[in-house]
């Protein structure tokens, strides 16, 4: 199990400093949770990830179920020993794949809808006004039928199956199985989905046979009454922590509103995790709303595509202009990449299609993001936010 200790509460916001104590060490919160989808942070060794100041990782239940399969992780002593990671690990439930392989894939939308395309926005909205199913995913009251992206075979994951898989993977913190809805879903669709997710949350609690910390997930999309209903219900159950999931509306202003609706209704003595959000520009805002941990692929995803985050903004190292730039990525960064490599060399590596720069930028970005959160923790400590 876990223990959560609040060290300081802000007088200016809902931000707080805390210690999340797990069987594999203590996490200083608020904290970024880098994504290790398949028991690896892409492009880095476990030893390198440790040097990025990363305290905790989150892996993907659905993908680990596909390969290598949870039985192999259990046979090797669980995910920590399997990947040689000594610090805490979370696993999601597979619920995000209900969205990403379903309506997310069909409609080409993410958890936050950045825009409604003017040409076919009405058509997209009408699609989810009806009681329809995604093309590649079948959602039932008992669980979800998927098609394996590896061989096309039909897979079924419900709340009981998700818990069994996560128990064998062996993470410190696991999540209840849910449906992550699309930001294009109607009120009626979300209401039906929420009722199902709440039933699944209760099934997950009954199914758990280990002492792993099972987090319940608050859903409800952009609808205030549904979000509040979900927060109250999940808070009333015996979860040691909470996830805030689902789609988060049409823009980041809606995301802030959702967090402000939800947080006052959750037990403040338990940790809150925001699923799948963590751009630099979002961090201070979500932490001020009361979020303790949050996972995001941004630093690693962007790094593998040539983008470095710096105190002066993003740099696209694929551009030829950097071939003559002899400066480090960020003169204020203390990571080994900034201390030993120059922009011109990293740009050359991308131009030459080497794989080394993927590691260099992934390392730098993770170190930069973790340092950024460190500074936010210091601001809370000093009473600035």
Foldseek 3Di string as FASTA:
>chain_A
DWAKAWDFAFPVFRFTWIWIQFPLGIDTWLFEAEEPAQLHLPPDALVLLVQLVHAEYEYELVVVCVPPRLQVQLVQVASCSVRVHRHAYEYEQCQVCLCCVFVCVVVVADLAAQDQPPVCSVVLLVVQVDPDTGPAKDQDLFFIWGQDPVPRDIDTDGQLNSQVSCVSNPGQEYEGHAHADHLSHDQVVLVVRLVSLLVSQVVNVVNHDDPRQYAYEQDRELDLVSSLVRLQSSQVDPGQAYEYGHRQHHDVVSNLVSLLSRVVSHDLRHAYEYEADDDLVCVLSNSSSNHIYYYYNVQLVVQLQQWAQEPVGIDRLLDPVQLPWFAFPYPPADDVRNVPHGSNVLNVCVVVVHSVSSNSSSSRSSSVSRVSRVVSSVCSVVSND
